[in-house]
Amino acid sequence: MSLTTRPAATCAVIGAGPVGLAAAAHLLERGITPIVLEAGPSAGAAIGQWGHVRLFSPWRFDIDTAARRLLEGTGWTEPDADGLPTGAELIGRYLEPLSAALGSHVRYGTRVTGVSRVDADKTHTIGREGRAYLLRTVSDAGAWSDVVADAVIDASGVWGRPNPLGAHGLPAAGETADASWQAGPLPDVLGADRARFAGKRTLVVGAGHSAANTLIVLAELAETAPGTQITWAVRGPSAAKVYGGGSADALPARGTIGTRLKALVESGAIELVTGFTIAGFDTAADGSVTVTGKTGSLAVAIEADNVAAATGFRPDLELLREVRLDLDATVEAPAKLAPLIDPNFHSCGTVPPHGEADLAHPDEGFYIAGVKSYGRAPTFLLATGYEQVRSIAAALAGDREAADAVELELPETGVCSSSRALDATSIADAGESAGCCGTTAAADADAGCGTSADSGCGTAQPEPVTVGARGLATGVLHGRAGERVELPQLQSGCCG
């Protein structure tokens, strides 16, 4: 439910990352007092844990407009728009100056443990609307205190909530966060963690860009550190989607990584194991581990000294248990946004610009923004988060026209992809092509739909869609729907 009846005077923002600080800048411009609550000791604390990694998107897409306006009054020097910052550079050249400009509006060492409406738990309906929000916080010293605000923007991100390595979405036997072989999703292989990986056996698990980054730097290390062995395990039947669209990727740095990774696998520098599901971890006395599982019906055991778990992240929803949310059951993203980012049907970076109306929840004045708004889906861009909080700030100030306007400045990419099994109609102008069933025979043929029982028609077949929006396409045409699985057909023909 959008906040439309009364402008907010105060808004609590959870997280002092790029989107959280951008939200504060937009709120200030709208005359709303921001209260930024950050669990870490400084701005971008989570980013600092992967500060050695270079971003795919250049500075032109990494700086928020309201944040820029605030910084320009401080003598700040803007980085080269075409440069690709590392995480550390993003902090040092942007987030730290921005947090300094926001001053006392940002509180560090303040972890939010719960959000509720004042004097009303989740089940309380009568008199609920219009109540302020109460945020329970805990300091580094263990002291708790409550913060009250008219509205809340949860931009706390997903870092620190990794998906498990085990199959079924659950931790495997012997999988613990503090295991000696756990190396994290983005270890500093060529820097601080070099000694840990040089001359050792490392297993990288995952089918995303984090895995690709780690694999490439491990291969670089292996060129100068004899005995360094690299194994890469993915759950899917191939690594094609990780290799990406190459030159078709709208972000050249992202496309180059996939191209380099494919060459390393083909050369034998990296051993690839596909279709691998992990069943257990057996830790030896020396800290090494035997990772057991299977590929299809074949049992597999992989010996490793380190395991880099690049299996993605999931949002922390525990602190929001007393807030009424409208989340998609699959992706755990706001229900109106989820169909356009569901990784079962999308692996494209193009998402139609969306704002407050698409992020609103049943409790008015509460929003999840930034990467956390994508739930378990990948391909989030900072620029998307900046547009989210611009729109939210406008709505909280009572400016409905500005909240509904689109101000996302990204290049046109024209074509993304999804599956006709997904009826993506929740965000205006995000149309999808008709697809196989219910079209003419000629259209069916163009879509790759046959008439035999083994044509695969009737399953979730991927197809290009024209997106009336801006974005940065990956050049890959589909998500998990592209991992075609033939299902028995009761009748021949396209539509059964």
Protein backbone atom coordinates (compact mmCIF):
# COMPACT_ATOMS: atom_id res chain seq x y z
CA MET A 1 0.00 0.00 0.00
CA SER A 2 1.49 3.35 -1.05
CA LEU A 3 1.82 6.18 1.44
CA THR A 4 -0.42 8.77 -0.20
CA THR A 5 -2.38 10.51 2.54
CA ARG A 6 0.28 12.37 4.51
CA PRO A 7 3.92 13.22 3.80
CA ALA A 8 6.46 11.59 6.11
CA ALA A 9 8.57 13.77 8.38
CA THR A 10 11.13 11.08 9.22
CA CYS A 11 12.29 7.90 7.51
CA ALA A 12 14.56 5.20 8.91
CA VAL A 13 16.94 3.68 6.37
CA ILE A 14 18.47 0.30 7.19
CA GLY A 15 21.97 0.03 5.75
CA ALA A 16 24.65 2.57 4.77
CA GLY A 17 25.59 0.98 1.47
CA PRO A 18 25.24 2.73 -1.91
CA VAL A 19 21.43 2.47 -2.06
CA GLY A 20 20.88 3.31 1.62
CA LEU A 21 23.02 6.46 1.43
CA ALA A 22 21.38 7.43 -1.87
CA ALA A 23 18.00 7.08 -0.15
CA ALA A 24 19.17 9.45 2.58
CA ALA A 25 20.28 12.02 -0.01
CA HIS A 26 16.92 11.90 -1.79
CA LEU A 27 15.02 12.13 1.48
CA LEU A 28 16.99 15.22 2.50
CA GLU A 29 16.19 16.91 -0.80
CA ARG A 30 12.52 16.20 -0.13
CA GLY A 31 12.62 17.75 3.33
CA ILE A 32 12.35 14.39 5.10
CA THR A 33 14.78 13.64 7.92
CA PRO A 34 16.67 10.39 7.25
CA ILE A 35 17.90 8.16 10.06
CA VAL A 36 20.42 5.74 8.55
CA LEU A 37 21.15 2.70 10.73
CA GLU A 38 24.29 0.75 9.80
CA ALA A 39 25.45 -2.40 11.59
CA GLY A 40 29.04 -1.98 10.42
CA PRO A 41 31.66 0.55 11.58
CA SER A 42 31.62 2.59 8.37
CA ALA A 43 29.85 3.20 5.09
CA GLY A 44 29.80 0.26 2.70
CA ALA A 45 31.05 -2.16 5.35
CA ALA A 46 29.79 -5.19 3.42
CA ILE A 47 31.44 -3.97 0.21
CA GLY A 48 34.70 -3.70 2.13
CA GLN A 49 34.71 -7.49 2.42
CA TRP A 50 35.14 -7.75 -1.34
CA GLY A 51 36.97 -4.49 -1.89
CA HIS A 52 39.54 -6.16 -4.16
CA VAL A 53 36.89 -7.03 -6.76
CA ARG A 54 36.30 -4.71 -9.72
CA LEU A 55 32.71 -3.80 -10.61
CA PHE A 56 31.24 -4.54 -14.05
CA SER A 57 29.52 -1.17 -14.33
CA PRO A 58 31.50 2.08 -14.81
CA TRP A 59 31.28 5.07 -12.50
CA ARG A 60 28.58 6.69 -14.66
CA PHE A 61 26.14 4.04 -13.38
CA ASP A 62 27.49 3.86 -9.83
CA ILE A 63 26.77 7.39 -8.57
CA ASP A 64 23.27 8.48 -7.58
CA THR A 65 21.98 11.84 -8.81
CA ALA A 66 20.91 13.24 -5.43
CA ALA A 67 24.15 11.98 -3.88
CA ARG A 68 26.09 13.78 -6.61
CA ARG A 69 24.27 17.03 -5.92
CA LEU A 70 25.01 16.73 -2.21
CA LEU A 71 28.68 15.96 -2.83
CA GLU A 72 29.19 18.75 -5.33
CA GLY A 73 28.69 21.24 -2.51
CA THR A 74 31.59 19.74 -0.54
CA GLY A 75 34.39 20.13 -3.10
CA TRP A 76 34.24 16.46 -4.02
CA THR A 77 35.97 15.40 -7.23
CA GLU A 78 33.89 13.00 -9.31
CA PRO A 79 35.75 9.97 -10.73
CA ASP A 80 36.10 9.39 -14.47
CA ALA A 81 32.68 8.33 -15.71
CA ASP A 82 34.10 5.51 -17.82
CA GLY A 83 36.34 4.03 -15.12
CA LEU A 84 35.56 0.68 -13.49
CA PRO A 85 35.98 0.99 -9.70
CA THR A 86 36.93 -1.76 -7.31
CA GLY A 87 34.80 -2.19 -4.23
CA ALA A 88 37.46 -0.36 -2.19
CA GLU A 89 37.47 2.53 -4.66
CA LEU A 90 33.68 2.72 -4.54
CA ILE A 91 33.95 3.17 -0.79
CA GLY A 92 36.92 5.55 -0.70
CA ARG A 93 35.96 7.82 -3.60
CA TYR A 94 32.19 7.84 -3.18
CA LEU A 95 30.61 6.25 -0.11
CA GLU A 96 32.94 7.70 2.52
CA PRO A 97 32.61 11.29 1.21
CA LEU A 98 28.85 10.79 0.92
CA SER A 99 28.51 9.51 4.48
CA ALA A 100 30.59 12.44 5.70
CA ALA A 101 28.28 14.85 3.87
CA LEU A 102 25.27 13.21 5.52
CA GLY A 103 26.91 13.69 8.92
CA SER A 104 24.83 12.84 11.98
CA HIS A 105 22.05 11.37 9.88
CA VAL A 106 24.11 8.14 9.75
CA ARG A 107 24.56 5.98 12.86
CA TYR A 108 27.21 3.26 12.75
CA GLY A 109 27.52 0.16 14.92
CA THR A 110 23.73 0.04 15.09
CA ARG A 111 22.19 -3.25 14.01
CA VAL A 112 18.44 -3.43 13.40
CA THR A 113 17.04 -6.64 14.87
CA GLY A 114 13.33 -6.04 14.28
CA VAL A 115 10.79 -3.71 12.68
CA SER A 116 7.18 -3.26 13.78
CA ARG A 117 4.39 -0.68 14.00
CA VAL A 118 4.29 1.23 17.27
CA ASP A 119 2.05 -0.61 19.76
CA ALA A 120 0.82 -3.03 17.07
CA ASP A 121 2.12 -6.48 16.19
CA LYS A 122 1.54 -8.06 12.79
CA THR A 123 -1.90 -9.38 13.70
CA HIS A 124 -3.25 -5.99 14.86
CA THR A 125 -5.49 -4.50 12.13
CA ILE A 126 -7.82 -1.96 13.77
CA GLY A 127 -6.08 1.41 13.86
CA ARG A 128 -2.98 0.04 12.14
CA GLU A 129 -2.85 2.48 9.24
CA GLY A 130 -1.00 5.68 10.03
CA ARG A 131 0.99 4.29 12.95
CA ALA A 132 4.69 5.08 13.05
CA TYR A 133 7.33 2.36 12.80
CA LEU A 134 9.49 1.12 15.65
CA LEU A 135 12.94 -0.28 14.88
CA ARG A 136 14.65 -2.28 17.62
CA THR A 137 18.44 -1.82 17.44
CA VAL A 138 21.48 -3.26 19.20
CA SER A 139 24.84 -1.50 19.49
CA ASP A 140 28.28 -3.09 19.26
CA ALA A 141 28.39 -2.99 23.05
CA GLY A 142 25.16 -4.97 23.28
CA ALA A 143 22.94 -2.08 24.37
CA TRP A 144 19.53 -1.99 22.74
CA SER A 145 17.40 1.02 21.90
CA ASP A 146 14.35 1.83 19.80
CA VAL A 147 14.11 4.21 16.87
CA VAL A 148 10.71 5.57 15.82
CA ALA A 149 10.09 6.89 12.30
CA ASP A 150 7.16 7.61 9.99
CA ALA A 151 8.51 5.34 7.24
CA VAL A 152 11.17 2.68 6.67
CA ILE A 153 13.40 1.78 3.72
CA ASP A 154 15.18 -1.54 4.20
CA ALA A 155 18.35 -1.32 2.09
CA SER A 156 20.34 -3.76 4.20
CA GLY A 157 21.37 -5.95 1.28
CA VAL A 158 21.95 -9.70 1.33
CA TRP A 159 25.67 -10.03 2.08
CA GLY A 160 26.23 -12.34 5.03
CA ARG A 161 23.25 -14.55 4.15
CA PRO A 162 24.76 -17.01 1.63
CA ASN A 163 22.81 -19.84 0.11
CA PRO A 164 23.99 -23.24 1.35
CA LEU A 165 26.31 -25.47 -0.66
CA GLY A 166 24.20 -28.56 -0.13
CA ALA A 167 21.47 -29.78 -2.43
CA HIS A 168 17.76 -29.04 -1.87
CA GLY A 169 18.49 -25.48 -0.68
CA LEU A 170 19.63 -26.88 2.68
CA PRO A 171 23.11 -27.22 4.22
CA ALA A 172 24.75 -30.57 3.50
CA ALA A 173 26.01 -32.90 6.20
CA GLY A 174 29.17 -31.42 7.66
CA GLU A 175 28.57 -27.95 6.18
CA THR A 176 29.25 -25.28 8.80
CA ALA A 177 30.04 -21.59 8.38
CA ASP A 178 33.18 -21.83 10.50
CA ALA A 179 34.70 -24.89 8.77
CA SER A 180 38.41 -24.52 8.07
CA TRP A 181 37.90 -25.09 4.35
CA GLN A 182 35.22 -22.39 3.96
CA ALA A 183 36.81 -19.62 1.87
CA GLY A 184 33.81 -17.36 1.30
CA PRO A 185 32.31 -16.29 -2.03
CA LEU A 186 34.96 -13.72 -3.08
CA PRO A 187 38.32 -14.44 -1.41
CA ASP A 188 41.27 -12.13 -2.14
CA VAL A 189 43.21 -14.82 -3.97
CA LEU A 190 45.98 -12.60 -5.35
CA GLY A 191 46.25 -10.41 -2.28
CA ALA A 192 45.61 -10.99 1.40
CA ASP A 193 44.58 -14.64 0.92
CA ARG A 194 47.31 -15.66 -1.53
CA ALA A 195 49.15 -17.98 0.86
CA ARG A 196 45.94 -19.86 1.55
CA PHE A 197 45.43 -20.79 -2.12
CA ALA A 198 48.93 -21.02 -3.59
CA GLY A 199 49.85 -24.66 -4.24
CA LYS A 200 46.50 -25.84 -2.83
CA ARG A 201 43.39 -27.53 -4.21
CA THR A 202 40.39 -25.24 -4.43
CA LEU A 203 36.82 -26.16 -5.30
CA VAL A 204 34.62 -23.28 -6.49
CA VAL A 205 30.88 -23.96 -6.34
CA GLY A 206 28.45 -21.70 -8.16
CA ALA A 207 27.20 -20.56 -11.55
CA GLY A 208 27.34 -16.78 -11.30
CA HIS A 209 29.74 -13.89 -11.73
CA SER A 210 31.21 -14.32 -8.24
CA ALA A 211 32.29 -17.83 -9.15
CA ALA A 212 33.68 -16.62 -12.47
CA ASN A 213 35.73 -13.89 -10.77
CA THR A 214 37.25 -16.32 -8.28
CA LEU A 215 38.02 -18.93 -10.92
CA ILE A 216 39.84 -16.44 -13.13
CA VAL A 217 42.10 -15.13 -10.36
CA LEU A 218 42.81 -18.69 -9.19
CA ALA A 219 43.94 -19.53 -12.73
CA GLU A 220 46.19 -16.48 -12.69
CA LEU A 221 47.67 -17.62 -9.38
CA ALA A 222 48.27 -21.11 -10.77
CA GLU A 223 50.56 -19.67 -13.45
CA THR A 224 53.13 -18.71 -10.80
CA ALA A 225 52.29 -21.09 -7.93
CA PRO A 226 53.01 -24.72 -8.87
CA GLY A 227 50.60 -27.28 -7.50
CA THR A 228 47.61 -24.93 -7.49
CA GLN A 229 44.62 -26.99 -8.63
CA ILE A 230 41.20 -25.60 -9.52
CA THR A 231 37.91 -27.49 -9.73
CA TRP A 232 34.65 -25.84 -10.63
CA ALA A 233 31.31 -27.45 -9.79
CA VAL A 234 27.92 -26.33 -11.08
CA ARG A 235 24.50 -27.88 -10.48
CA GLY A 236 23.27 -27.30 -14.02
CA PRO A 237 24.00 -29.52 -17.02
CA SER A 238 26.41 -26.97 -18.54
CA ALA A 239 28.22 -23.74 -17.77
CA ALA A 240 26.93 -21.94 -20.87
CA LYS A 241 24.92 -19.34 -18.97
CA VAL A 242 27.99 -18.44 -16.86
CA TYR A 243 30.01 -17.79 -20.01
CA GLY A 244 27.36 -15.23 -20.87
CA GLY A 245 26.83 -13.30 -24.06
CA GLY A 246 30.42 -12.23 -24.68
CA SER A 247 30.45 -9.27 -27.05
CA ALA A 248 26.63 -9.12 -26.87
CA ASP A 249 26.82 -8.09 -23.21
CA ALA A 250 25.95 -4.41 -22.70
CA LEU A 251 28.64 -4.24 -20.01
CA PRO A 252 31.92 -5.19 -21.76
CA ALA A 253 33.69 -6.03 -18.50
CA ARG A 254 30.98 -8.57 -17.66
CA GLY A 255 31.11 -10.14 -21.11
CA THR A 256 34.89 -10.41 -21.04
CA ILE A 257 34.85 -12.43 -17.82
CA GLY A 258 32.66 -15.11 -19.38
CA THR A 259 34.84 -15.31 -22.47
CA ARG A 260 38.03 -15.68 -20.40
CA LEU A 261 36.45 -18.31 -18.17
CA LYS A 262 35.35 -20.44 -21.11
CA ALA A 263 38.87 -20.39 -22.54
CA LEU A 264 40.35 -21.50 -19.21
CA VAL A 265 37.97 -24.45 -18.98
CA GLU A 266 38.63 -25.50 -22.57
CA SER A 267 42.40 -25.30 -22.02
CA GLY A 268 42.20 -27.58 -18.98
CA ALA A 269 43.40 -24.92 -16.53
CA ILE A 270 40.10 -25.38 -14.71
CA GLU A 271 38.40 -28.75 -14.26
CA LEU A 272 34.64 -28.39 -14.69
CA VAL A 273 32.16 -30.78 -13.06
CA THR A 274 28.57 -30.27 -14.24
CA GLY A 275 25.32 -31.57 -12.80
CA PHE A 276 26.97 -31.86 -9.39
CA THR A 277 24.78 -31.93 -6.28
CA ILE A 278 26.57 -31.90 -2.93
CA ALA A 279 25.52 -34.39 -0.26
CA GLY A 280 28.18 -33.96 2.41
CA PHE A 281 31.54 -32.64 3.64
CA ASP A 282 34.03 -34.83 5.48
CA THR A 283 36.65 -32.62 7.14
CA ALA A 284 40.06 -34.21 7.73
CA ALA A 285 42.37 -33.56 10.66
CA ASP A 286 44.59 -31.29 8.53
CA GLY A 287 41.63 -29.07 7.60
CA SER A 288 41.17 -30.39 4.08
CA VAL A 289 37.80 -31.76 3.02
CA THR A 290 36.24 -34.48 0.91
CA VAL A 291 33.14 -33.18 -0.85
CA THR A 292 30.75 -35.99 -1.72
CA GLY A 293 27.80 -35.89 -4.06
CA LYS A 294 26.66 -37.12 -7.42
CA THR A 295 26.34 -36.20 -11.06
CA GLY A 296 23.20 -37.89 -12.23
CA SER A 297 23.38 -41.40 -10.81
CA LEU A 298 27.18 -41.39 -10.56
CA ALA A 299 28.74 -40.90 -7.11
CA VAL A 300 31.49 -38.27 -7.03
CA ALA A 301 34.06 -37.31 -4.40
CA ILE A 302 36.21 -34.18 -4.72
CA GLU A 303 39.26 -33.61 -2.51
CA ALA A 304 39.96 -29.97 -1.66
CA ASP A 305 41.83 -27.73 0.74
CA ASN A 306 39.48 -24.79 0.18
CA VAL A 307 35.88 -24.42 -0.95
CA ALA A 308 34.69 -21.08 -2.32
CA ALA A 309 30.92 -20.98 -1.92
CA ALA A 310 29.73 -18.69 -4.70
CA THR A 311 26.17 -19.97 -4.55
CA GLY A 312 24.45 -16.62 -4.16
CA PHE A 313 22.57 -15.04 -1.28
CA ARG A 314 19.11 -14.80 0.19
CA PRO A 315 17.45 -11.90 2.05
CA ASP A 316 17.23 -11.76 5.82
CA LEU A 317 13.48 -11.58 6.43
CA GLU A 318 13.60 -12.44 10.12
CA LEU A 319 13.83 -8.81 11.22
CA LEU A 320 10.67 -8.07 9.18
CA ARG A 321 8.42 -10.71 10.73
CA GLU A 322 6.14 -8.06 12.34
CA VAL A 323 5.68 -6.13 9.09
CA ARG A 324 2.96 -7.03 6.61
CA LEU A 325 4.76 -7.86 3.38
CA ASP A 326 3.65 -8.80 -0.12
CA LEU A 327 6.48 -11.05 -1.28
CA ASP A 328 6.62 -13.51 -4.14
CA ALA A 329 6.64 -17.09 -2.88
CA THR A 330 9.45 -18.13 -5.22
CA VAL A 331 11.92 -15.24 -5.41
CA GLU A 332 11.12 -13.53 -2.07
CA ALA A 333 11.00 -10.18 -3.87
CA PRO A 334 8.07 -7.72 -3.90
CA ALA A 335 5.25 -9.47 -5.74
CA LYS A 336 4.99 -6.95 -8.58
CA LEU A 337 8.71 -7.03 -9.30
CA ALA A 338 9.34 -10.77 -8.97
CA PRO A 339 7.99 -11.97 -12.36
CA LEU A 340 10.51 -9.83 -14.21
CA ILE A 341 13.59 -11.05 -12.30
CA ASP A 342 12.74 -14.70 -11.59
CA PRO A 343 15.98 -16.62 -12.41
CA ASN A 344 13.92 -19.55 -13.66
CA PHE A 345 13.02 -17.47 -16.69
CA HIS A 346 15.45 -14.55 -16.79
CA SER A 347 19.20 -14.19 -16.90
CA CYS A 348 19.13 -10.78 -18.52
CA GLY A 349 20.23 -7.56 -16.89
CA THR A 350 17.35 -5.64 -18.43
CA VAL A 351 14.56 -4.90 -15.96
CA PRO A 352 11.96 -2.24 -16.72
CA PRO A 353 12.41 0.82 -14.48
CA HIS A 354 10.29 0.44 -11.40
CA GLY A 355 9.62 2.51 -8.35
CA GLU A 356 7.50 3.04 -5.27
CA ALA A 357 4.25 1.67 -6.67
CA ASP A 358 5.92 -1.63 -7.54
CA LEU A 359 7.78 -1.90 -4.22
CA ALA A 360 4.97 -0.97 -1.82
CA HIS A 361 3.74 -3.47 0.77
CA PRO A 362 0.45 -3.80 2.71
CA ASP A 363 1.99 -1.76 5.53
CA GLU A 364 2.06 1.73 4.01
CA GLY A 365 5.35 3.59 4.21
CA PHE A 366 7.49 0.45 4.35
CA TYR A 367 9.80 -0.53 1.46
CA ILE A 368 12.56 -2.99 0.64
CA ALA A 369 15.04 -1.42 -1.79
CA GLY A 370 18.36 -2.21 -3.40
CA VAL A 371 19.68 -5.72 -3.91
CA LYS A 372 17.46 -7.01 -1.09
CA SER A 373 14.41 -6.05 -3.15
CA TYR A 374 15.53 -8.68 -5.69
CA GLY A 375 15.20 -11.40 -3.06
CA ARG A 376 17.07 -14.47 -4.33
CA ALA A 377 17.38 -13.19 -7.90
CA PRO A 378 20.73 -11.98 -9.32
CA THR A 379 21.63 -9.32 -11.96
CA PHE A 380 20.92 -6.30 -9.74
CA LEU A 381 22.39 -2.97 -10.86
CA LEU A 382 23.13 -0.04 -8.55
CA ALA A 383 21.39 2.33 -10.95
CA THR A 384 18.18 0.34 -10.52
CA GLY A 385 18.38 0.76 -6.75
CA TYR A 386 18.99 4.48 -7.08
CA GLU A 387 15.84 4.88 -9.16
CA GLN A 388 13.91 2.86 -6.58
CA VAL A 389 14.80 5.18 -3.70
CA ARG A 390 14.31 8.34 -5.77
CA SER A 391 10.75 7.23 -6.45
CA ILE A 392 10.17 6.17 -2.84
CA ALA A 393 11.40 9.51 -1.48
CA ALA A 394 9.07 11.35 -3.86
CA ALA A 395 6.10 9.26 -2.69
CA LEU A 396 6.94 9.80 0.97
CA ALA A 397 6.96 13.55 0.30
CA GLY A 398 3.52 13.33 -1.30
CA ASP A 399 4.73 13.93 -4.87
CA ARG A 400 2.81 11.21 -6.68
CA GLU A 401 3.68 12.47 -10.16
CA ALA A 402 7.42 12.31 -9.51
CA ALA A 403 7.11 8.94 -7.80
CA ASP A 404 5.48 7.44 -10.88
CA ALA A 405 7.84 9.07 -13.40
CA VAL A 406 10.76 7.08 -14.82
CA GLU A 407 14.18 8.69 -14.45
CA LEU A 408 16.50 5.74 -14.98
CA GLU A 409 19.25 6.77 -17.41
CA LEU A 410 20.60 3.59 -18.97
CA PRO A 411 21.17 2.80 -22.65
CA GLU A 412 18.41 1.17 -24.67
CA THR A 413 19.09 -2.53 -25.16
CA GLY A 414 15.97 -3.49 -27.07
CA VAL A 415 15.71 -7.22 -26.43
CA CYS A 416 15.81 -9.24 -23.24
CA SER A 417 14.36 -12.69 -22.79
CA SER A 418 12.07 -14.73 -20.63
CA SER A 419 9.64 -17.59 -21.04
CA ARG A 420 6.06 -17.51 -22.20
CA ALA A 421 5.28 -19.61 -19.10
CA LEU A 422 5.67 -16.37 -17.16
CA ASP A 423 2.88 -13.82 -17.47
CA ALA A 424 4.94 -10.70 -16.77
CA THR A 425 2.23 -8.07 -16.55
CA SER A 426 2.86 -6.63 -13.11
CA ILE A 427 4.88 -3.61 -14.24
CA ALA A 428 3.46 -1.36 -16.92
CA ASP A 429 4.84 -1.72 -20.44
CA ALA A 430 6.79 -4.90 -19.63
CA GLY A 431 5.18 -6.96 -22.38
CA GLU A 432 6.02 -10.48 -23.43
CA SER A 433 5.75 -12.12 -26.86
CA ALA A 434 2.78 -14.37 -27.49
CA GLY A 435 4.63 -17.69 -27.65
CA CYS A 436 3.78 -21.10 -29.02
CA CYS A 437 0.32 -21.90 -27.82
CA GLY A 438 -2.55 -19.86 -29.17
CA THR A 439 -0.57 -18.51 -32.16
CA THR A 440 -0.52 -19.34 -35.83
CA ALA A 441 1.45 -22.26 -37.20
CA ALA A 442 3.93 -19.89 -38.81
CA ALA A 443 4.54 -18.11 -35.54
CA ASP A 444 4.96 -21.48 -33.84
CA ALA A 445 7.65 -22.46 -36.32
CA ASP A 446 9.48 -19.17 -35.82
CA ALA A 447 9.42 -19.76 -32.07
CA GLY A 448 11.01 -23.18 -32.52
CA CYS A 449 7.85 -25.12 -31.69
CA GLY A 450 7.31 -28.37 -33.53
CA THR A 451 4.36 -30.67 -33.73
CA SER A 452 5.87 -33.93 -32.58
CA ALA A 453 5.54 -35.35 -29.11
CA ASP A 454 9.23 -34.72 -28.39
CA SER A 455 9.28 -31.11 -29.51
CA GLY A 456 9.26 -29.88 -25.92
CA CYS A 457 6.36 -27.55 -26.57
CA GLY A 458 4.20 -27.03 -23.54
CA THR A 459 7.27 -26.79 -21.28
CA ALA A 460 8.91 -23.53 -20.22
CA GLN A 461 10.67 -22.71 -23.50
CA PRO A 462 12.68 -19.47 -23.55
CA GLU A 463 12.12 -16.82 -26.17
CA PRO A 464 13.22 -13.22 -26.77
CA VAL A 465 10.93 -10.45 -25.62
CA THR A 466 10.95 -6.78 -26.49
CA VAL A 467 11.20 -4.70 -23.34
CA GLY A 468 9.85 -1.17 -23.51
CA ALA A 469 12.43 0.07 -21.05
CA ARG A 470 16.11 0.66 -20.49
CA GLY A 471 18.67 -1.72 -19.09
CA LEU A 472 22.00 -3.46 -19.51
CA ALA A 473 21.41 -6.82 -21.17
CA THR A 474 23.76 -9.71 -20.50
CA GLY A 475 23.38 -11.10 -24.00
CA VAL A 476 22.04 -14.38 -22.61
CA LEU A 477 18.54 -15.29 -23.75
CA HIS A 478 17.13 -17.16 -20.80
CA GLY A 479 17.51 -18.37 -17.23
CA ARG A 480 17.01 -21.88 -15.88
CA ALA A 481 14.25 -22.40 -18.41
CA GLY A 482 17.05 -22.76 -20.94
CA GLU A 483 18.20 -25.96 -19.26
CA ARG A 484 15.78 -27.93 -21.35
CA VAL A 485 14.25 -31.00 -19.80
CA GLU A 486 12.16 -33.22 -22.02
CA LEU A 487 8.88 -34.19 -20.39
CA PRO A 488 6.64 -37.02 -21.61
CA GLN A 489 3.78 -35.73 -23.69
CA LEU A 490 0.35 -37.33 -23.52
CA GLN A 491 -0.55 -36.02 -26.95
CA SER A 492 1.38 -34.67 -29.85
CA GLY A 493 1.07 -31.13 -31.04
CA CYS A 494 1.93 -27.77 -29.62
CA CYS A 495 -0.82 -27.26 -27.14
CA GLY A 496 -1.62 -30.84 -26.12
